[in-house]
Amino acid sequence: MSATKTINIKYHAMLREQRGCSDETIQTSSATAKELYKELATKYSLNFSLELLRVAINNEFREWDAGIQDSDTVIFIPPVSGG
């Protein structure tokens, strides 16, 4: 079982609208960015698939299997439509 850690989450664009806020701090035992997103998607009914999103950890784009550590900032970035 993974240790619980405090993670800062930032949501952008449509994810921010779905979640109803732009950032929050949560307690999680998720070990990777992918596990964290799945946890949040279930909890808040977020409906973007991983294939459509990008993830950044501490302001660096990362792969979904990247580990997350206590006090990290994780940013979920959905596709942005322009016009």
N, C-alpha and C. Protein backbone atom coordinates (compact mmCIF):
# COMPACT_ATOMS: atom_id res chain seq x y z
N MET A 1 0.85 -1.19 0.00
CA MET A 1 0.00 0.00 0.00
C MET A 1 0.88 1.25 0.00
N SER A 2 0.55 2.19 -0.85
CA SER A 2 1.34 3.41 -0.97
C SER A 2 1.02 4.37 0.17
N ALA A 3 2.01 5.15 0.53
CA ALA A 3 1.82 6.15 1.57
C ALA A 3 0.95 7.29 1.04
N THR A 4 0.18 7.88 1.92
CA THR A 4 -0.65 9.02 1.54
C THR A 4 0.25 10.25 1.38
N LYS A 5 -0.03 11.02 0.34
CA LYS A 5 0.75 12.24 0.08
C LYS A 5 -0.20 13.38 -0.25
N THR A 6 0.29 14.58 -0.07
CA THR A 6 -0.47 15.78 -0.40
C THR A 6 -0.04 16.26 -1.77
N ILE A 7 -0.99 16.38 -2.68
CA ILE A 7 -0.71 16.76 -4.06
C ILE A 7 -1.51 18.01 -4.41
N ASN A 8 -0.87 18.94 -5.09
CA ASN A 8 -1.54 20.13 -5.61
C ASN A 8 -1.99 19.82 -7.03
N ILE A 9 -3.26 20.02 -7.31
CA ILE A 9 -3.83 19.72 -8.62
C ILE A 9 -4.23 21.02 -9.30
N LYS A 10 -3.93 21.13 -10.59
CA LYS A 10 -4.40 22.27 -11.38
C LYS A 10 -5.16 21.71 -12.59
N TYR A 11 -6.32 22.30 -12.84
CA TYR A 11 -7.16 21.90 -13.97
C TYR A 11 -7.20 23.04 -14.98
N HIS A 12 -7.13 22.71 -16.26
CA HIS A 12 -7.17 23.72 -17.31
C HIS A 12 -8.36 23.49 -18.23
N ALA A 13 -8.81 24.58 -18.86
CA ALA A 13 -9.83 24.58 -19.91
C ALA A 13 -11.08 23.80 -19.49
N MET A 14 -11.52 22.84 -20.32
CA MET A 14 -12.76 22.12 -20.07
C MET A 14 -12.72 21.30 -18.77
N LEU A 15 -11.55 20.83 -18.38
CA LEU A 15 -11.46 20.11 -17.11
C LEU A 15 -11.78 21.03 -15.94
N ARG A 16 -11.34 22.27 -16.04
CA ARG A 16 -11.64 23.25 -15.00
C ARG A 16 -13.16 23.44 -14.90
N GLU A 17 -13.83 23.50 -16.05
CA GLU A 17 -15.29 23.66 -16.05
C GLU A 17 -15.96 22.42 -15.47
N GLN A 18 -15.51 21.23 -15.86
CA GLN A 18 -16.10 20.00 -15.33
C GLN A 18 -15.91 19.90 -13.82
N ARG A 19 -14.73 20.23 -13.34
CA ARG A 19 -14.42 20.11 -11.92
C ARG A 19 -15.07 21.23 -11.11
N GLY A 20 -15.21 22.42 -11.72
CA GLY A 20 -15.80 23.54 -11.00
C GLY A 20 -14.79 24.35 -10.21
N CYS A 21 -13.51 24.09 -10.44
CA CYS A 21 -12.46 24.89 -9.81
C CYS A 21 -11.19 24.75 -10.65
N SER A 22 -10.26 25.67 -10.45
CA SER A 22 -9.02 25.63 -11.23
C SER A 22 -7.89 24.92 -10.51
N ASP A 23 -7.99 24.81 -9.18
CA ASP A 23 -6.94 24.10 -8.44
C ASP A 23 -7.47 23.65 -7.09
N GLU A 24 -6.80 22.67 -6.54
CA GLU A 24 -7.13 22.14 -5.22
C GLU A 24 -5.95 21.35 -4.70
N THR A 25 -5.94 21.12 -3.42
CA THR A 25 -4.93 20.29 -2.78
C THR A 25 -5.65 19.09 -2.20
N ILE A 26 -5.15 17.89 -2.51
CA ILE A 26 -5.82 16.67 -2.06
C ILE A 26 -4.83 15.73 -1.38
N GLN A 27 -5.38 14.77 -0.65
CA GLN A 27 -4.62 13.67 -0.08
C GLN A 27 -4.87 12.46 -0.97
N THR A 28 -3.84 11.75 -1.37
CA THR A 28 -4.00 10.58 -2.23
C THR A 28 -2.94 9.54 -1.91
N SER A 29 -3.25 8.30 -2.24
CA SER A 29 -2.24 7.24 -2.17
C SER A 29 -1.86 6.79 -3.57
N SER A 30 -2.35 7.48 -4.60
CA SER A 30 -1.99 7.16 -5.98
C SER A 30 -0.48 7.29 -6.16
N ALA A 31 0.09 6.37 -6.91
CA ALA A 31 1.54 6.36 -7.11
C ALA A 31 1.97 7.03 -8.41
N THR A 32 1.07 7.09 -9.39
CA THR A 32 1.42 7.66 -10.70
C THR A 32 0.39 8.70 -11.11
N ALA A 33 0.74 9.48 -12.12
CA ALA A 33 -0.19 10.48 -12.65
C ALA A 33 -1.44 9.79 -13.18
N LYS A 34 -1.29 8.64 -13.81
CA LYS A 34 -2.43 7.90 -14.36
C LYS A 34 -3.38 7.46 -13.24
N GLU A 35 -2.85 6.91 -12.17
CA GLU A 35 -3.69 6.50 -11.04
C GLU A 35 -4.41 7.71 -10.44
N LEU A 36 -3.71 8.82 -10.33
CA LEU A 36 -4.29 10.03 -9.76
C LEU A 36 -5.45 10.52 -10.63
N TYR A 37 -5.24 10.58 -11.95
CA TYR A 37 -6.32 11.05 -12.82
C TYR A 37 -7.52 10.12 -12.74
N LYS A 38 -7.28 8.82 -12.75
CA LYS A 38 -8.40 7.87 -12.66
C LYS A 38 -9.17 8.05 -11.35
N GLU A 39 -8.45 8.28 -10.26
CA GLU A 39 -9.09 8.54 -8.97
C GLU A 39 -9.97 9.78 -9.05
N LEU A 40 -9.43 10.87 -9.61
CA LEU A 40 -10.18 12.12 -9.70
C LEU A 40 -11.34 12.01 -10.69
N ALA A 41 -11.13 11.31 -11.80
CA ALA A 41 -12.19 11.14 -12.80
C ALA A 41 -13.38 10.41 -12.20
N THR A 42 -13.11 9.40 -11.40
CA THR A 42 -14.19 8.67 -10.73
C THR A 42 -14.88 9.54 -9.69
N LYS A 43 -14.09 10.23 -8.90
CA LYS A 43 -14.64 11.05 -7.81
C LYS A 43 -15.46 12.22 -8.32
N TYR A 44 -15.02 12.86 -9.41
CA TYR A 44 -15.66 14.08 -9.89
C TYR A 44 -16.35 13.94 -11.25
N SER A 45 -16.47 12.72 -11.76
CA SER A 45 -17.12 12.46 -13.06
C SER A 45 -16.46 13.23 -14.20
N LEU A 46 -15.14 13.27 -14.21
CA LEU A 46 -14.41 13.89 -15.32
C LEU A 46 -14.46 12.92 -16.49
N ASN A 47 -14.72 13.43 -17.70
CA ASN A 47 -14.97 12.49 -18.79
C ASN A 47 -13.97 12.54 -19.93
N PHE A 48 -12.81 13.12 -19.72
CA PHE A 48 -11.77 13.07 -20.75
C PHE A 48 -10.97 11.78 -20.59
N SER A 49 -10.68 11.12 -21.72
CA SER A 49 -9.84 9.92 -21.65
C SER A 49 -8.38 10.35 -21.58
N LEU A 50 -7.55 9.46 -21.06
CA LEU A 50 -6.12 9.76 -20.92
C LEU A 50 -5.49 10.09 -22.27
N GLU A 51 -5.99 9.45 -23.33
CA GLU A 51 -5.41 9.67 -24.67
C GLU A 51 -5.57 11.11 -25.14
N LEU A 52 -6.57 11.82 -24.60
CA LEU A 52 -6.82 13.20 -25.02
C LEU A 52 -6.13 14.23 -24.14
N LEU A 53 -5.61 13.80 -23.01
CA LEU A 53 -5.03 14.73 -22.05
C LEU A 53 -3.51 14.71 -22.06
N ARG A 54 -2.94 15.80 -21.60
CA ARG A 54 -1.51 15.87 -21.29
C ARG A 54 -1.40 16.04 -19.78
N VAL A 55 -0.28 15.61 -19.24
CA VAL A 55 -0.06 15.80 -17.80
C VAL A 55 1.31 16.43 -17.61
N ALA A 56 1.38 17.35 -16.67
CA ALA A 56 2.66 17.95 -16.29
C ALA A 56 2.80 17.79 -14.78
N ILE A 57 4.00 17.46 -14.37
CA ILE A 57 4.31 17.35 -12.94
C ILE A 57 5.40 18.36 -12.65
N ASN A 58 5.11 19.26 -11.72
CA ASN A 58 6.05 20.33 -11.37
C ASN A 58 6.51 21.09 -12.61
N ASN A 59 5.54 21.43 -13.46
CA ASN A 59 5.74 22.25 -14.66
C ASN A 59 6.55 21.59 -15.76
N GLU A 60 6.66 20.27 -15.75
CA GLU A 60 7.33 19.54 -16.84
C GLU A 60 6.38 18.50 -17.39
N PHE A 61 6.18 18.50 -18.72
CA PHE A 61 5.33 17.47 -19.32
C PHE A 61 5.93 16.11 -19.03
N ARG A 62 5.07 15.16 -18.64
CA ARG A 62 5.52 13.82 -18.27
C ARG A 62 4.61 12.77 -18.90
N GLU A 63 5.05 11.53 -18.85
CA GLU A 63 4.23 10.41 -19.28
C GLU A 63 3.27 10.05 -18.16
N TRP A 64 2.19 9.35 -18.50
CA TRP A 64 1.17 9.00 -17.51
C TRP A 64 1.69 8.06 -16.43
N ASP A 65 2.73 7.28 -16.73
CA ASP A 65 3.24 6.35 -15.72
C ASP A 65 4.28 6.98 -14.80
N ALA A 66 4.48 8.30 -14.94
CA ALA A 66 5.44 9.00 -14.08
C ALA A 66 4.94 8.98 -12.63
N GLY A 67 5.87 8.77 -11.71
CA GLY A 67 5.53 8.75 -10.29
C GLY A 67 5.23 10.14 -9.76
N ILE A 68 4.40 10.18 -8.74
CA ILE A 68 4.12 11.45 -8.06
C ILE A 68 4.58 11.34 -6.61
N GLN A 69 5.08 12.46 -6.10
CA GLN A 69 5.64 12.52 -4.76
C GLN A 69 4.89 13.55 -3.92
N ASP A 70 5.04 13.45 -2.62
CA ASP A 70 4.43 14.41 -1.71
C ASP A 70 4.82 15.83 -2.12
N SER A 71 3.86 16.73 -2.12
CA SER A 71 4.02 18.16 -2.44
C SER A 71 4.17 18.45 -3.92
N ASP A 72 4.06 17.46 -4.80
CA ASP A 72 4.11 17.72 -6.24
C ASP A 72 2.90 18.54 -6.68
N THR A 73 3.07 19.26 -7.77
CA THR A 73 1.96 19.93 -8.45
C THR A 73 1.71 19.19 -9.76
N VAL A 74 0.49 18.68 -9.91
CA VAL A 74 0.11 17.93 -11.11
C VAL A 74 -0.91 18.76 -11.87
N ILE A 75 -0.62 18.94 -13.16
CA ILE A 75 -1.50 19.76 -14.01
C ILE A 75 -2.07 18.87 -15.10
N PHE A 76 -3.40 18.87 -15.20
CA PHE A 76 -4.09 18.11 -16.25
C PHE A 76 -4.53 19.08 -17.32
N ILE A 77 -4.14 18.80 -18.58
CA ILE A 77 -4.36 19.74 -19.68
C ILE A 77 -5.13 19.03 -20.79
N PRO A 78 -6.41 19.41 -20.97
CA PRO A 78 -7.19 18.82 -22.07
C PRO A 78 -6.87 19.52 -23.38
N PRO A 79 -7.34 18.94 -24.49
CA PRO A 79 -7.13 19.63 -25.78
C PRO A 79 -7.84 20.98 -25.76
N VAL A 80 -7.24 21.94 -26.41
CA VAL A 80 -7.81 23.29 -26.44
C VAL A 80 -8.23 23.57 -27.88
N SER A 81 -9.47 23.99 -28.06
CA SER A 81 -9.91 24.32 -29.41
C SER A 81 -9.67 25.80 -29.65
N GLY A 82 -9.21 26.12 -30.81
CA GLY A 82 -8.93 27.52 -31.14
C GLY A 82 -9.97 28.04 -32.12
N GLY A 83 -9.85 29.31 -32.38
CA GLY A 83 -10.83 29.87 -33.31
C GLY A 83 -10.45 31.26 -33.70
